[in-house]
Protein backbone atom coordinates (compact mmCIF):
# COMPACT_ATOMS: atom_id res chain seq x y z
CA MET A 1 444.63 174.88 -121.18
CA TYR A 2 444.96 176.83 -117.92
CA ILE A 3 442.77 174.34 -116.05
CA ARG A 4 444.79 171.40 -117.31
CA LYS A 5 448.00 173.04 -116.23
CA GLY A 6 446.50 173.75 -112.85
CA ARG A 7 445.50 170.10 -112.37
CA ALA A 8 448.91 168.90 -113.47
CA ALA A 9 450.53 171.24 -111.00
CA GLN A 10 448.29 169.97 -108.23
CA ALA A 11 449.17 166.36 -109.05
CA VAL A 12 452.93 167.17 -108.88
CA ARG A 13 452.41 168.91 -105.56
CA LEU A 14 450.53 165.95 -104.04
CA ASP A 15 453.24 163.57 -105.20
CA GLU A 16 455.90 165.68 -103.50
CA MET A 17 453.87 165.73 -100.27
CA HIS A 18 453.58 161.94 -100.36
CA HIS A 19 457.34 161.48 -100.71
CA SER A 20 457.92 163.92 -97.88
CA PHE A 21 455.53 161.93 -95.63
CA VAL A 22 457.30 158.66 -96.46
CA GLU A 23 460.69 160.23 -95.70
CA LEU A 24 459.37 161.42 -92.33
CA GLN A 25 458.31 157.84 -91.49
CA THR A 26 461.72 156.33 -92.36
CA GLU A 27 464.30 158.85 -91.25
CA GLY A 28 464.27 158.09 -87.50
CA PRO A 29 462.79 159.16 -84.18
CA LEU A 30 463.13 162.87 -84.89
CA TYR A 31 460.44 162.56 -87.52
CA VAL A 32 457.91 160.25 -85.66
CA ASN A 33 454.25 161.10 -86.29
CA PRO A 34 452.86 162.30 -82.93
CA PHE A 35 449.26 161.23 -83.64
CA ILE A 36 450.13 157.67 -84.65
CA ASP A 37 452.47 157.33 -81.70
CA SER A 38 449.83 158.52 -79.22
CA LEU A 39 447.43 155.73 -80.12
CA ASP A 40 449.48 153.23 -78.10
CA GLU A 41 448.95 155.28 -74.97
CA MET A 42 445.21 155.93 -75.32
CA THR A 43 442.74 154.56 -72.79
CA PRO A 44 438.95 154.03 -73.08
CA ASP A 45 438.44 157.18 -71.06
CA ASP A 46 440.35 159.21 -73.72
CA ILE A 47 437.82 158.03 -76.33
CA ALA A 48 434.62 158.26 -74.24
CA PRO A 49 435.11 159.67 -70.76
CA PRO A 50 432.68 158.18 -68.17
CA VAL A 51 429.52 160.12 -67.62
CA LYS A 52 429.31 161.38 -64.12
CA LYS A 53 426.22 159.84 -62.49
CA ALA A 54 423.72 162.28 -61.22
CA LYS A 55 422.83 161.87 -57.58
CA LEU A 56 419.44 160.12 -57.20
CA SER A 57 416.72 161.99 -55.46
CA MET A 58 414.87 160.46 -52.53
CA GLY A 59 411.84 159.88 -54.74
CA ASP A 60 413.94 157.98 -57.30
CA ARG A 61 415.46 155.83 -54.58
CA ILE A 62 412.03 154.93 -53.22
CA PHE A 63 410.79 154.18 -56.72
CA ASN A 64 413.70 151.78 -57.35
CA ILE A 65 413.15 150.00 -54.05
CA VAL A 66 409.43 149.59 -54.78
CA ARG A 67 410.19 148.34 -58.28
CA TYR A 68 412.63 145.71 -56.99
CA LEU A 69 410.12 144.62 -54.35
CA ILE A 70 407.32 144.25 -56.93
CA ILE A 71 409.56 142.22 -59.25
CA SER A 72 410.60 139.98 -56.37
CA ALA A 73 406.99 139.54 -55.23
CA CYS A 74 405.88 138.64 -58.77
CA ALA A 75 408.65 136.07 -59.01
CA LEU A 76 407.62 134.53 -55.70
CA VAL A 77 403.95 134.45 -56.75
CA PHE A 78 404.87 132.76 -60.03
CA VAL A 79 406.95 130.11 -58.27
CA GLY A 80 404.19 129.62 -55.69
CA CYS A 81 401.55 129.18 -58.40
CA MET A 82 403.66 126.61 -60.21
CA VAL A 83 404.18 124.66 -57.00
CA TYR A 84 400.44 124.84 -56.25
CA ILE A 85 399.49 123.60 -59.74
CA VAL A 86 401.95 120.71 -59.63
CA TYR A 87 400.81 119.77 -56.12
CA ASN A 88 397.13 119.76 -57.15
CA LEU A 89 397.86 117.65 -60.22
CA TYR A 90 399.64 115.17 -57.98
CA GLN A 91 396.68 115.15 -55.58
CA TYR A 92 394.20 114.52 -58.40
CA LYS A 93 396.24 111.62 -59.75
CA ALA A 94 396.81 110.09 -56.32
CA ALA A 95 393.06 110.16 -55.58
CA ARG A 96 392.13 108.67 -58.96
CA ASP A 97 394.67 105.87 -58.55
CA TYR A 98 393.51 105.11 -55.01
CA TYR A 99 389.78 104.90 -55.80
CA ASN A 100 390.24 103.16 -59.15
CA ASN A 101 392.27 100.48 -57.40
CA ILE A 102 389.53 99.93 -54.78
CA ALA A 103 386.73 99.73 -57.36
CA GLU A 104 388.63 97.67 -59.93
CA GLY A 105 386.51 94.76 -61.14
CA LEU A 106 383.83 95.31 -58.51
CA PHE A 107 381.00 95.74 -61.01
CA ASP A 108 382.34 93.60 -63.84
CA GLU A 109 379.84 91.22 -65.39
CA VAL A 110 379.57 87.94 -63.50
CA ASN A 111 380.01 84.94 -65.78
CA ILE A 112 379.74 81.40 -64.41
CA GLU A 113 380.40 78.38 -66.59
CA PRO A 114 378.55 75.18 -65.65
CA ASP A 115 381.76 73.37 -64.69
CA ASN A 116 382.40 76.02 -62.07
CA TYR A 117 379.07 75.83 -60.23
CA PHE A 118 380.40 73.78 -57.31
CA ALA A 119 383.51 75.90 -57.06
CA THR A 120 381.19 78.88 -56.81
CA VAL A 121 379.24 77.22 -54.02
CA SER A 122 382.42 76.62 -52.02
CA LYS A 123 383.31 80.29 -52.32
CA LEU A 124 379.87 81.65 -51.56
CA SER A 125 378.40 79.10 -49.19
CA GLN A 126 379.34 80.84 -45.96
CA SER A 127 378.07 84.21 -47.11
CA ALA A 128 375.01 82.65 -48.74
CA LYS A 129 374.01 81.05 -45.44
CA SER A 130 374.08 84.42 -43.74
CA THR A 131 371.97 86.35 -46.22
CA ASN A 132 368.36 86.30 -47.37
CA LEU A 133 369.19 87.40 -50.89
CA TYR A 134 368.35 83.94 -52.14
CA ASN A 135 367.37 80.58 -50.61
CA TYR A 136 370.52 78.56 -50.01
CA GLU A 137 368.86 75.11 -50.33
CA THR A 138 367.21 76.08 -53.60
CA PHE A 139 370.57 77.33 -54.76
CA LEU A 140 372.15 73.91 -54.14
CA LYS A 141 369.28 72.00 -55.76
CA LYS A 142 369.58 74.06 -58.91
CA LEU A 143 373.25 73.25 -59.07
CA GLY A 144 372.60 69.52 -58.76
CA SER A 145 369.92 69.51 -61.47
CA GLY A 146 372.17 71.19 -63.99
CA ILE A 147 370.09 74.37 -64.01
CA PRO A 148 372.19 77.56 -63.83
CA ALA A 149 372.73 78.45 -60.21
CA VAL A 150 371.62 82.02 -60.72
CA SER A 151 369.18 83.63 -63.06
CA ILE A 152 369.95 86.56 -65.34
CA ILE A 153 367.46 88.67 -63.38
CA ASP A 154 368.63 88.20 -59.83
CA GLY A 155 371.51 85.84 -59.77
CA THR A 156 374.05 88.04 -61.43
CA HIS A 157 372.99 90.90 -59.21
CA ASN A 158 373.30 88.70 -56.14
CA LEU A 159 376.75 87.51 -57.05
CA GLN A 160 377.81 91.09 -57.56
CA TYR A 161 376.41 91.87 -54.14
CA GLU A 162 378.47 89.05 -52.65
CA ARG A 163 381.51 90.53 -54.29
CA ILE A 164 380.66 94.01 -52.95
CA LYS A 165 380.12 92.66 -49.44
CA ALA A 166 383.50 90.98 -49.62
CA LYS A 167 385.07 94.30 -50.62
CA LEU A 168 383.25 96.10 -47.80
CA ALA A 169 384.45 93.48 -45.34
CA GLU A 170 388.00 93.93 -46.58
CA LEU A 171 387.78 97.70 -46.15
CA HIS A 172 386.01 97.40 -42.79
CA ALA A 173 388.86 95.24 -41.48
CA GLU A 174 391.16 98.22 -42.02
CA ASN A 175 388.71 100.93 -40.92
CA ASN A 176 385.48 100.36 -39.03
CA ASP A 177 384.17 103.72 -40.33
CA ILE A 178 383.18 101.91 -43.55
CA TYR A 179 379.44 102.48 -44.05
CA GLY A 180 378.70 101.04 -47.49
CA TRP A 181 379.17 101.66 -51.19
CA ILE A 182 377.41 104.22 -53.41
CA LYS A 183 376.98 103.92 -57.17
CA VAL A 184 375.14 106.09 -59.69
CA ASP A 185 374.85 104.63 -63.19
CA ASN A 186 376.25 106.63 -66.11
CA THR A 187 378.43 108.69 -63.78
CA ARG A 188 381.82 108.30 -62.14
CA ILE A 189 380.14 108.09 -58.74
CA ASN A 190 381.30 104.65 -57.62
CA TYR A 191 382.88 104.92 -54.18
CA PRO A 192 383.01 103.44 -50.70
CA LEU A 193 381.02 105.30 -48.07
CA VAL A 194 382.46 106.18 -44.67
CA GLN A 195 381.07 107.84 -41.56
CA GLY A 196 383.36 109.60 -39.12
CA ALA A 197 383.02 111.15 -35.70
CA ASP A 198 382.52 114.57 -37.36
CA ASN A 199 381.99 116.10 -40.79
CA THR A 200 385.55 117.39 -41.20
CA TYR A 201 387.98 114.47 -41.02
CA TYR A 202 386.90 112.81 -44.26
CA LEU A 203 386.94 116.09 -46.14
CA ASP A 204 390.64 115.42 -46.74
CA HIS A 205 391.21 111.79 -45.73
CA THR A 206 390.59 108.56 -47.62
CA PRO A 207 388.89 105.50 -46.11
CA SER A 208 392.38 104.14 -45.44
CA GLY A 209 393.19 107.23 -43.35
CA ASP A 210 395.67 108.76 -45.80
CA PHE A 211 395.63 112.51 -46.41
CA LEU A 212 394.29 113.46 -49.83
CA LYS A 213 392.54 116.70 -50.74
CA ALA A 214 389.86 114.73 -52.59
CA GLY A 215 388.82 113.21 -49.27
CA SER A 216 386.06 110.59 -49.17
CA ILE A 217 382.37 110.28 -49.88
CA PHE A 218 381.01 110.31 -46.35
CA VAL A 219 377.75 110.10 -44.40
CA ASP A 220 376.82 112.85 -41.97
CA TYR A 221 378.04 111.84 -38.49
CA ARG A 222 374.59 112.64 -37.03
CA ASN A 223 372.93 109.86 -39.05
CA GLY A 224 372.39 106.39 -37.66
CA PRO A 225 374.01 103.20 -39.03
CA SER A 226 370.82 101.99 -40.76
CA LEU A 227 369.60 103.55 -44.01
CA ALA A 228 366.15 102.06 -43.41
CA GLU A 229 365.86 103.84 -40.07
CA ASN A 230 367.28 107.22 -41.03
CA MET A 231 364.57 109.64 -42.14
CA ASN A 232 367.13 111.52 -44.25
CA THR A 233 370.65 110.16 -44.73
CA VAL A 234 372.95 113.00 -45.82
CA ILE A 235 376.00 112.17 -47.94
CA TYR A 236 378.78 114.62 -48.78
CA GLY A 237 381.55 114.69 -51.38
CA HIS A 238 383.84 117.18 -53.08
CA ASN A 239 383.12 118.57 -56.55
CA GLN A 240 386.53 117.79 -58.04
CA ALA A 241 387.81 119.67 -61.10
CA ASP A 242 388.92 116.38 -62.70
CA ASN A 243 385.33 115.10 -62.84
CA THR A 244 385.69 112.71 -59.88
CA MET A 245 384.02 112.27 -56.47
CA PHE A 246 380.65 114.12 -56.49
CA SER A 247 381.36 116.32 -59.51
CA ASN A 248 378.88 114.33 -61.64
CA ILE A 249 375.99 115.49 -59.45
CA ASP A 250 375.76 118.38 -61.90
CA LYS A 251 374.34 115.88 -64.42
CA PHE A 252 371.10 115.96 -62.44
CA ILE A 253 371.18 119.75 -62.82
CA ARG A 254 372.00 119.82 -66.53
CA SER A 255 369.67 117.13 -67.86
CA GLU A 256 366.00 116.62 -67.06
CA SER A 257 366.01 113.17 -68.67
CA PHE A 258 369.00 112.14 -66.58
CA PHE A 259 367.20 113.38 -63.46
CA ASN A 260 364.04 111.45 -64.36
CA GLU A 261 365.69 108.18 -65.41
CA THR A 262 368.66 107.74 -63.09
CA LYS A 263 368.58 105.76 -59.86
CA ILE A 264 371.01 105.91 -56.93
CA THR A 265 372.13 102.62 -55.37
CA ILE A 266 373.74 102.15 -51.98
CA TYR A 267 375.14 98.77 -50.93
CA THR A 268 375.55 97.98 -47.24
CA PHE A 269 376.15 94.81 -45.26
CA ASP A 270 372.42 94.42 -44.71
CA GLY A 271 371.10 95.00 -48.22
CA ILE A 272 370.89 96.93 -51.47
CA TYR A 273 369.03 100.25 -51.27
CA THR A 274 367.74 101.91 -54.43
CA TYR A 275 366.62 105.55 -54.49
CA GLU A 276 364.70 107.67 -56.97
CA PRO A 277 365.61 111.40 -57.14
CA PHE A 278 362.65 113.74 -56.62
CA SER A 279 364.50 117.07 -56.22
CA VAL A 280 367.68 118.70 -57.47
CA SER A 281 368.59 122.31 -56.75
CA ARG A 282 371.23 124.95 -56.13
CA VAL A 283 371.13 126.15 -52.55
CA LYS A 284 373.20 128.19 -50.14
CA ALA A 285 375.42 126.37 -47.68
CA TYR A 286 373.55 127.79 -44.72
CA TYR A 287 370.11 126.67 -46.00
CA PRO A 288 368.86 123.62 -44.00
CA TYR A 289 368.73 121.24 -46.95
CA PHE A 290 370.84 118.65 -45.09
CA ARG A 291 368.71 117.99 -42.01
CA THR A 292 369.10 114.58 -40.39
CA HIS A 293 366.57 114.80 -37.55
CA PHE A 294 363.01 116.04 -37.36
CA THR A 295 360.80 117.00 -34.47
CA SER A 296 357.70 115.32 -35.85
CA THR A 297 356.16 113.65 -38.87
CA GLU A 298 354.78 117.03 -39.94
CA ASP A 299 358.24 118.54 -39.70
CA PHE A 300 359.65 115.77 -41.92
CA LEU A 301 356.91 116.13 -44.52
CA ALA A 302 357.30 119.92 -44.58
CA PHE A 303 361.03 119.47 -45.21
CA ALA A 304 360.41 117.02 -48.07
CA GLU A 305 357.81 119.31 -49.63
CA ASP A 306 360.17 122.30 -49.37
CA MET A 307 362.93 120.38 -51.15
CA HIS A 308 360.47 119.15 -53.78
CA SER A 309 359.20 122.67 -54.47
CA ARG A 310 362.74 124.01 -54.91
CA SER A 311 363.68 121.42 -57.53
CA ILE A 312 364.92 122.69 -60.89
CA TRP A 313 363.10 119.79 -62.58
CA LYS A 314 359.60 118.85 -61.51
CA LYS A 315 358.54 115.28 -60.86
CA ASP A 316 355.11 114.13 -59.73
CA VAL A 317 356.10 112.50 -56.44
CA THR A 318 354.26 112.48 -53.12
CA ILE A 319 356.39 111.92 -50.03
CA THR A 320 354.72 110.12 -47.14
CA GLU A 321 355.70 109.70 -43.52
CA ASN A 322 356.93 106.17 -44.30
CA ASP A 323 359.38 107.32 -46.94
CA ARG A 324 363.11 107.32 -46.26
CA LEU A 325 365.28 109.89 -48.03
CA ILE A 326 368.89 110.53 -48.90
CA THR A 327 370.53 113.85 -49.69
CA LEU A 328 373.63 114.12 -51.88
CA SER A 329 375.53 117.36 -51.31
CA THR A 330 378.52 118.98 -53.01
CA CYS A 331 379.88 122.45 -53.76
CA ASP A 332 378.75 124.12 -56.98
CA ASN A 333 382.26 125.61 -57.58
CA ILE A 334 380.58 128.84 -58.66
CA THR A 335 380.39 130.67 -55.35
CA THR A 336 382.06 129.89 -52.03
CA ASP A 337 378.74 129.20 -50.34
CA GLY A 338 376.90 127.56 -53.26
CA ARG A 339 375.83 123.93 -53.09
CA TYR A 340 374.24 121.35 -55.39
CA SER A 341 371.78 119.08 -53.61
CA VAL A 342 369.96 115.97 -54.80
CA HIS A 343 367.15 114.53 -52.70
CA ALA A 344 365.92 111.01 -53.41
CA ARG A 345 363.42 108.64 -51.82
CA LEU A 346 363.93 104.95 -51.13
CA ILE A 347 361.98 102.80 -53.59
CA SER A 348 363.36 99.30 -52.91
CA ILE A 349 365.46 97.25 -50.50
CA GLU A 350 366.93 93.87 -51.44
CA LYS A 351 368.07 91.77 -48.52
């Protein structure tokens, strides 16, 4: 009973305090609540006064400067890398478009319907008169007798050669550095050949003279104009990351069957030259694998034997003093001074 009375008394007391508080709020300015009234005048500093910054030491100042410099440098490197990547992608595409346009249709199959034989003669007669690829009179007689003007064995090849010579003439009219055309079956090596006054210009210029990082496939400037007379014709090209130019030379490295079965063909104004690879190797840039002149027959044979002995794949080939060689050279993209080299000997000339 005492506890209940105590609780009742407490309830009455709280009720009286509540009424007193309400009266204070409604009886005028003399009874304004100071705390409530002060809220209108509070500022953020009254709630959380600003922390006074400690003075930075010299070491902290240097650290902050270095940090800002590193962040700025990283940002610049990132932007530079992005620009470099975009620029290289543009260069790759520009080179592919340029060379694809030049080679378009050049090695398509030649199909001649009988009704078009005489039209073909009118187109080829001038070039046919100036070449020994086939006998011009026999060519005309076959047309008149209704026999196909060209055979499957040589005719198609000859007509392709006429087409290639026409392309070379077109390119030569724009640039007299045009040397020929190189093609390796089952690769993307299918390009015009140029020869400049040095071995640097065509590292980053196309046969048309435009700047492109892919450059051209070019013959060493120390070689002569005739493949048949050069003891070793050296041909250079970049190893492009997009599998163009001379990048497919690595196929000779990676596959023994490819090395043994593949031939290299070079078309010039004076004939079709076919070569058989006898050596493929990785060499250093400073190693004399790209010699163009020799002091004697013995010197030439010693060079050929050295290249043959260094070959990754072995082929039973004997080089004689009458042989004529070519060397294909490109970077290996593994080390800065590493090179892939393919040496091949001439096995046939069609003129």
